[in-house]
N, C-alpha and C. Protein backbone atom coordinates (compact mmCIF):
# COMPACT_ATOMS: atom_id res chain seq x y z
N MET A 1 0.83 -1.19 0.00
CA MET A 1 0.00 0.00 0.00
C MET A 1 0.87 1.25 0.00
N ASP A 2 1.89 1.24 0.86
CA ASP A 2 2.76 2.40 0.96
C ASP A 2 3.58 2.58 -0.31
N ASP A 3 4.00 1.47 -0.94
CA ASP A 3 4.77 1.56 -2.18
C ASP A 3 3.93 2.14 -3.31
N SER A 4 2.66 1.76 -3.38
CA SER A 4 1.83 2.30 -4.45
C SER A 4 1.59 3.79 -4.27
N LEU A 5 1.47 4.25 -3.03
CA LEU A 5 1.32 5.69 -2.79
C LEU A 5 2.58 6.45 -3.14
N ASN A 6 3.73 5.86 -2.80
CA ASN A 6 5.00 6.50 -3.15
C ASN A 6 5.18 6.57 -4.66
N LEU A 7 4.77 5.52 -5.36
CA LEU A 7 4.86 5.50 -6.81
C LEU A 7 3.95 6.57 -7.42
N LYS A 8 2.74 6.69 -6.90
CA LYS A 8 1.82 7.71 -7.40
C LYS A 8 2.34 9.11 -7.08
N LEU A 9 2.95 9.27 -5.92
CA LEU A 9 3.50 10.56 -5.54
C LEU A 9 4.67 10.94 -6.45
N LYS A 10 5.51 9.98 -6.82
CA LYS A 10 6.61 10.24 -7.74
C LYS A 10 6.08 10.66 -9.11
N LYS A 11 5.01 9.99 -9.56
CA LYS A 11 4.41 10.37 -10.84
C LYS A 11 3.84 11.78 -10.79
N LEU A 12 3.20 12.11 -9.69
CA LEU A 12 2.65 13.46 -9.53
C LEU A 12 3.75 14.51 -9.50
N LYS A 13 4.87 14.21 -8.84
CA LYS A 13 5.99 15.15 -8.82
C LYS A 13 6.55 15.35 -10.22
N ALA A 14 6.64 14.28 -10.99
CA ALA A 14 7.15 14.39 -12.36
C ALA A 14 6.19 15.22 -13.21
N MET A 15 4.89 14.98 -13.06
CA MET A 15 3.90 15.76 -13.81
C MET A 15 3.94 17.22 -13.40
N SER A 16 4.09 17.47 -12.12
CA SER A 16 4.15 18.84 -11.61
C SER A 16 5.35 19.58 -12.18
N GLY A 17 6.49 18.92 -12.22
CA GLY A 17 7.68 19.53 -12.80
C GLY A 17 7.49 19.84 -14.27
N SER A 18 6.85 18.94 -14.98
CA SER A 18 6.60 19.15 -16.40
C SER A 18 5.67 20.35 -16.62
N VAL A 19 4.65 20.45 -15.81
CA VAL A 19 3.70 21.55 -15.94
C VAL A 19 4.38 22.88 -15.57
N LYS A 20 5.23 22.86 -14.57
CA LYS A 20 5.96 24.09 -14.19
C LYS A 20 6.86 24.56 -15.33
N ARG A 21 7.57 23.61 -15.93
CA ARG A 21 8.45 23.97 -17.05
C ARG A 21 7.63 24.51 -18.22
N ARG A 22 6.50 23.91 -18.50
CA ARG A 22 5.65 24.35 -19.60
C ARG A 22 5.10 25.75 -19.33
N ALA A 23 4.67 26.01 -18.10
CA ALA A 23 4.16 27.34 -17.75
C ALA A 23 5.26 28.38 -17.88
N GLN A 24 6.48 28.04 -17.46
CA GLN A 24 7.61 28.95 -17.58
C GLN A 24 7.93 29.23 -19.05
N LEU A 25 7.86 28.20 -19.88
CA LEU A 25 8.12 28.36 -21.31
C LEU A 25 7.11 29.31 -21.93
N TYR A 26 5.82 29.13 -21.61
CA TYR A 26 4.79 30.01 -22.18
C TYR A 26 4.95 31.44 -21.70
N SER A 27 5.31 31.63 -20.45
CA SER A 27 5.50 32.99 -19.96
C SER A 27 6.74 33.62 -20.60
N ASP A 28 7.79 32.83 -20.84
CA ASP A 28 8.98 33.35 -21.51
C ASP A 28 8.69 33.69 -22.97
N LEU A 29 7.85 32.89 -23.63
CA LEU A 29 7.50 33.18 -25.02
C LEU A 29 6.77 34.51 -25.15
N SER A 30 5.96 34.84 -24.18
CA SER A 30 5.20 36.09 -24.28
C SER A 30 6.07 37.31 -24.02
N LYS A 31 7.28 37.11 -23.49
CA LYS A 31 8.17 38.23 -23.18
C LYS A 31 9.22 38.48 -24.26
N VAL A 32 9.14 37.77 -25.38
CA VAL A 32 10.13 37.91 -26.44
C VAL A 32 10.01 39.30 -27.07
N ASP A 33 11.16 39.97 -27.27
CA ASP A 33 11.15 41.33 -27.79
C ASP A 33 11.60 41.44 -29.24
N ASP A 34 12.03 40.36 -29.86
CA ASP A 34 12.43 40.40 -31.26
C ASP A 34 11.22 40.74 -32.11
N LYS A 35 11.37 41.67 -33.06
CA LYS A 35 10.22 42.18 -33.81
C LYS A 35 9.56 41.09 -34.67
N LYS A 36 10.35 40.33 -35.41
CA LYS A 36 9.77 39.31 -36.28
C LYS A 36 9.15 38.18 -35.46
N THR A 37 9.81 37.80 -34.39
CA THR A 37 9.25 36.75 -33.53
C THR A 37 7.99 37.25 -32.85
N ALA A 38 8.00 38.50 -32.45
CA ALA A 38 6.81 39.08 -31.80
C ALA A 38 5.65 39.13 -32.78
N GLN A 39 5.92 39.43 -34.06
CA GLN A 39 4.85 39.45 -35.05
C GLN A 39 4.29 38.04 -35.28
N SER A 40 5.18 37.06 -35.29
CA SER A 40 4.73 35.68 -35.47
C SER A 40 3.89 35.23 -34.29
N LEU A 41 4.33 35.60 -33.08
CA LEU A 41 3.57 35.21 -31.90
C LEU A 41 2.29 36.02 -31.76
N GLY A 42 2.24 37.17 -32.42
CA GLY A 42 1.03 37.98 -32.38
C GLY A 42 -0.16 37.24 -32.97
N ALA A 43 0.11 36.42 -33.98
CA ALA A 43 -0.96 35.62 -34.56
C ALA A 43 -1.51 34.62 -33.55
N LEU A 44 -0.64 34.13 -32.67
CA LEU A 44 -1.09 33.20 -31.64
C LEU A 44 -1.80 33.93 -30.50
N ASN A 45 -1.42 35.19 -30.28
CA ASN A 45 -2.07 35.96 -29.22
C ASN A 45 -3.46 36.43 -29.63
N LYS A 46 -3.68 36.60 -30.93
CA LYS A 46 -4.97 37.07 -31.42
C LYS A 46 -5.48 36.06 -32.45
N ALA A 47 -5.93 34.94 -31.99
CA ALA A 47 -6.41 33.90 -32.90
C ALA A 47 -7.76 34.31 -33.48
N PRO A 48 -7.94 34.14 -34.79
CA PRO A 48 -9.22 34.51 -35.39
C PRO A 48 -10.30 33.49 -35.04
N ALA A 49 -11.52 33.92 -35.08
CA ALA A 49 -12.65 33.03 -34.83
C ALA A 49 -13.56 33.07 -36.05
N PRO A 50 -13.25 32.29 -37.09
CA PRO A 50 -14.03 32.38 -38.33
C PRO A 50 -15.47 31.93 -38.16
N GLY A 51 -15.72 31.01 -37.24
CA GLY A 51 -17.09 30.53 -37.05
C GLY A 51 -18.00 31.61 -36.52
N LYS A 52 -17.53 32.37 -35.55
CA LYS A 52 -18.33 33.46 -34.98
C LYS A 52 -18.62 34.54 -36.03
N LYS A 53 -17.60 34.87 -36.82
CA LYS A 53 -17.78 35.89 -37.84
C LYS A 53 -18.78 35.43 -38.90
N LEU A 54 -18.68 34.18 -39.30
CA LEU A 54 -19.59 33.64 -40.30
C LEU A 54 -21.02 33.60 -39.78
N GLN A 55 -21.18 33.27 -38.50
CA GLN A 55 -22.51 33.27 -37.90
C GLN A 55 -23.10 34.68 -37.89
N LYS A 56 -22.30 35.67 -37.51
CA LYS A 56 -22.79 37.05 -37.46
C LYS A 56 -23.22 37.53 -38.84
N ILE A 57 -22.40 37.26 -39.83
CA ILE A 57 -22.74 37.67 -41.19
C ILE A 57 -24.01 36.94 -41.66
N GLY A 58 -24.11 35.66 -41.32
CA GLY A 58 -25.30 34.89 -41.69
C GLY A 58 -26.56 35.45 -41.04
N PHE A 59 -26.48 35.81 -39.75
CA PHE A 59 -27.64 36.39 -39.08
C PHE A 59 -28.02 37.73 -39.69
N ILE A 60 -27.03 38.54 -40.02
CA ILE A 60 -27.32 39.83 -40.65
C ILE A 60 -28.01 39.62 -41.99
N MET A 61 -27.49 38.71 -42.78
CA MET A 61 -28.10 38.44 -44.09
C MET A 61 -29.50 37.84 -43.94
N PHE A 62 -29.69 37.03 -42.93
CA PHE A 62 -30.98 36.38 -42.71
C PHE A 62 -32.06 37.39 -42.34
N TRP A 63 -31.68 38.40 -41.56
CA TRP A 63 -32.67 39.36 -41.07
C TRP A 63 -32.82 40.60 -41.96
N VAL A 64 -32.02 40.71 -43.03
CA VAL A 64 -32.16 41.85 -43.94
C VAL A 64 -33.44 41.67 -44.75
N PRO A 65 -34.33 42.66 -44.70
CA PRO A 65 -35.57 42.53 -45.49
C PRO A 65 -35.28 42.72 -46.98
N GLU A 66 -35.52 41.68 -47.73
CA GLU A 66 -35.26 41.73 -49.16
C GLU A 66 -36.37 40.95 -49.85
N PRO A 67 -36.97 41.49 -50.91
CA PRO A 67 -38.16 40.86 -51.49
C PRO A 67 -37.92 39.50 -52.15
N SER A 68 -36.75 39.28 -52.73
CA SER A 68 -36.56 38.01 -53.45
C SER A 68 -36.21 36.85 -52.52
N GLY A 69 -35.72 37.11 -51.33
CA GLY A 69 -35.41 36.05 -50.37
C GLY A 69 -34.07 35.37 -50.60
N VAL A 70 -33.24 35.95 -51.45
CA VAL A 70 -31.93 35.35 -51.72
C VAL A 70 -31.04 35.41 -50.48
N THR A 71 -31.12 36.52 -49.76
CA THR A 71 -30.27 36.64 -48.58
C THR A 71 -30.68 35.64 -47.50
N CYS A 72 -31.97 35.32 -47.43
CA CYS A 72 -32.42 34.31 -46.46
C CYS A 72 -31.89 32.93 -46.85
N ALA A 73 -31.86 32.67 -48.15
CA ALA A 73 -31.36 31.38 -48.64
C ALA A 73 -29.87 31.25 -48.42
N ILE A 74 -29.16 32.36 -48.41
CA ILE A 74 -27.72 32.33 -48.19
C ILE A 74 -27.40 32.41 -46.70
N GLY A 75 -28.18 33.18 -45.94
CA GLY A 75 -27.91 33.40 -44.52
C GLY A 75 -28.03 32.15 -43.68
N GLY A 76 -29.04 31.32 -43.95
CA GLY A 76 -29.24 30.09 -43.17
C GLY A 76 -28.05 29.15 -43.22
N PRO A 77 -27.59 28.79 -44.42
CA PRO A 77 -26.40 27.92 -44.49
C PRO A 77 -25.14 28.55 -43.89
N MET A 78 -25.04 29.88 -43.97
CA MET A 78 -23.88 30.54 -43.36
C MET A 78 -23.91 30.39 -41.85
N ILE A 79 -25.10 30.48 -41.25
CA ILE A 79 -25.23 30.30 -39.80
C ILE A 79 -24.83 28.89 -39.42
N LEU A 80 -25.32 27.90 -40.17
CA LEU A 80 -24.98 26.50 -39.88
C LEU A 80 -23.49 26.24 -40.07
N ALA A 81 -22.91 26.80 -41.13
CA ALA A 81 -21.47 26.61 -41.37
C ALA A 81 -20.66 27.27 -40.25
N GLY A 82 -21.12 28.41 -39.78
CA GLY A 82 -20.43 29.08 -38.68
C GLY A 82 -20.47 28.27 -37.40
N LYS A 83 -21.63 27.66 -37.11
CA LYS A 83 -21.73 26.80 -35.92
C LYS A 83 -20.81 25.59 -36.06
N TYR A 84 -20.74 25.02 -37.26
CA TYR A 84 -19.85 23.87 -37.48
C TYR A 84 -18.39 24.26 -37.28
N LEU A 85 -17.99 25.40 -37.86
CA LEU A 85 -16.61 25.86 -37.70
C LEU A 85 -16.30 26.19 -36.26
N ASP A 86 -17.28 26.71 -35.54
CA ASP A 86 -17.07 27.04 -34.14
C ASP A 86 -16.80 25.79 -33.31
N ARG A 87 -17.44 24.69 -33.66
CA ARG A 87 -17.20 23.44 -32.94
C ARG A 87 -15.88 22.79 -33.34
N VAL A 88 -15.53 22.88 -34.62
CA VAL A 88 -14.34 22.19 -35.14
C VAL A 88 -13.08 23.01 -34.92
N TYR A 89 -13.15 24.32 -35.16
CA TYR A 89 -11.97 25.17 -35.12
C TYR A 89 -11.56 25.46 -33.68
N ASN A 90 -10.28 25.31 -33.40
CA ASN A 90 -9.76 25.59 -32.07
C ASN A 90 -9.16 26.99 -32.10
N GLY A 91 -9.82 27.93 -31.48
CA GLY A 91 -9.35 29.30 -31.48
C GLY A 91 -8.59 29.68 -30.23
N SER A 92 -7.93 28.71 -29.62
CA SER A 92 -7.21 29.02 -28.38
C SER A 92 -5.93 29.79 -28.69
N THR A 93 -5.55 30.62 -27.76
CA THR A 93 -4.34 31.43 -27.89
C THR A 93 -3.31 30.97 -26.86
N ILE A 94 -2.13 31.56 -26.90
CA ILE A 94 -1.09 31.22 -25.92
C ILE A 94 -1.58 31.57 -24.52
N HIS A 95 -2.30 32.68 -24.41
CA HIS A 95 -2.82 33.07 -23.10
C HIS A 95 -3.76 32.01 -22.54
N ASP A 96 -4.63 31.46 -23.40
CA ASP A 96 -5.55 30.41 -22.95
C ASP A 96 -4.79 29.17 -22.50
N ILE A 97 -3.78 28.80 -23.26
CA ILE A 97 -2.98 27.62 -22.92
C ILE A 97 -2.25 27.84 -21.61
N GLY A 98 -1.67 29.03 -21.44
CA GLY A 98 -0.98 29.34 -20.18
C GLY A 98 -1.92 29.33 -18.99
N THR A 99 -3.13 29.85 -19.18
CA THR A 99 -4.12 29.85 -18.10
C THR A 99 -4.50 28.43 -17.71
N GLN A 100 -4.75 27.59 -18.72
CA GLN A 100 -5.11 26.20 -18.43
C GLN A 100 -3.95 25.46 -17.77
N THR A 101 -2.71 25.77 -18.19
CA THR A 101 -1.55 25.14 -17.58
C THR A 101 -1.43 25.54 -16.11
N LYS A 102 -1.66 26.81 -15.80
CA LYS A 102 -1.61 27.26 -14.41
C LYS A 102 -2.72 26.61 -13.59
N ASN A 103 -3.90 26.47 -14.18
CA ASN A 103 -5.00 25.79 -13.46
C ASN A 103 -4.65 24.34 -13.17
N THR A 104 -4.05 23.67 -14.16
CA THR A 104 -3.63 22.28 -13.96
C THR A 104 -2.57 22.18 -12.89
N LEU A 105 -1.62 23.13 -12.91
CA LEU A 105 -0.55 23.14 -11.91
C LEU A 105 -1.13 23.32 -10.51
N SER A 106 -2.07 24.23 -10.35
CA SER A 106 -2.65 24.44 -9.01
C SER A 106 -3.46 23.22 -8.58
N SER A 107 -4.14 22.55 -9.53
CA SER A 107 -4.88 21.34 -9.18
C SER A 107 -3.95 20.22 -8.74
N ILE A 108 -2.83 20.08 -9.45
CA ILE A 108 -1.86 19.05 -9.08
C ILE A 108 -1.27 19.37 -7.70
N ASN A 109 -0.95 20.64 -7.46
CA ASN A 109 -0.40 21.02 -6.15
C ASN A 109 -1.40 20.78 -5.04
N ASP A 110 -2.67 21.11 -5.27
CA ASP A 110 -3.70 20.86 -4.25
C ASP A 110 -3.84 19.37 -3.97
N PHE A 111 -3.79 18.56 -5.02
CA PHE A 111 -3.90 17.11 -4.86
C PHE A 111 -2.71 16.56 -4.10
N LYS A 112 -1.49 17.07 -4.42
CA LYS A 112 -0.30 16.62 -3.69
C LYS A 112 -0.39 16.98 -2.21
N LYS A 113 -0.85 18.19 -1.92
CA LYS A 113 -0.97 18.61 -0.53
C LYS A 113 -1.99 17.77 0.22
N SER A 114 -3.03 17.33 -0.46
CA SER A 114 -4.03 16.50 0.21
C SER A 114 -3.49 15.10 0.50
N LEU A 115 -2.51 14.65 -0.31
CA LEU A 115 -1.92 13.32 -0.05
C LEU A 115 -0.91 13.36 1.09
N VAL A 116 -0.17 14.46 1.17
CA VAL A 116 0.91 14.55 2.16
C VAL A 116 0.42 15.04 3.47
C-alpha cells in the first residue's frame, strides 16, 4: 500500500515539474522582444474566430428585409457553417494555454498537498 502511494507521488511530482516547465516556457514566449518573432507570436495571441464571424454575417443576411429572399437562402447555411466551424476550429491562444496550464498546476499542487 505504501509503495503504491510512493509511486503515485513520484508520478505526480514528475507531472508537476513538467507543468511548471511548460508554464515557464509560455511565460517566456510572451516576453520575447524580437520584432519578427513578436509578429509571429502575435498571430497566436490574437487567434481569429471564423465561425463566430460567419454566424454574425449569416444572421445579418438572414434578417435583412429583401423581397426576393436570396439573402435568407444564403444566410441560413452561413449560420450553420459558422456553428460547425465554431465546434471544429480551435481558437485558443497562448494566453488560454498558459491559463489552463496554471490551473492544472494548481490542481496538481492541491492534490499533492491533500496526499501529504
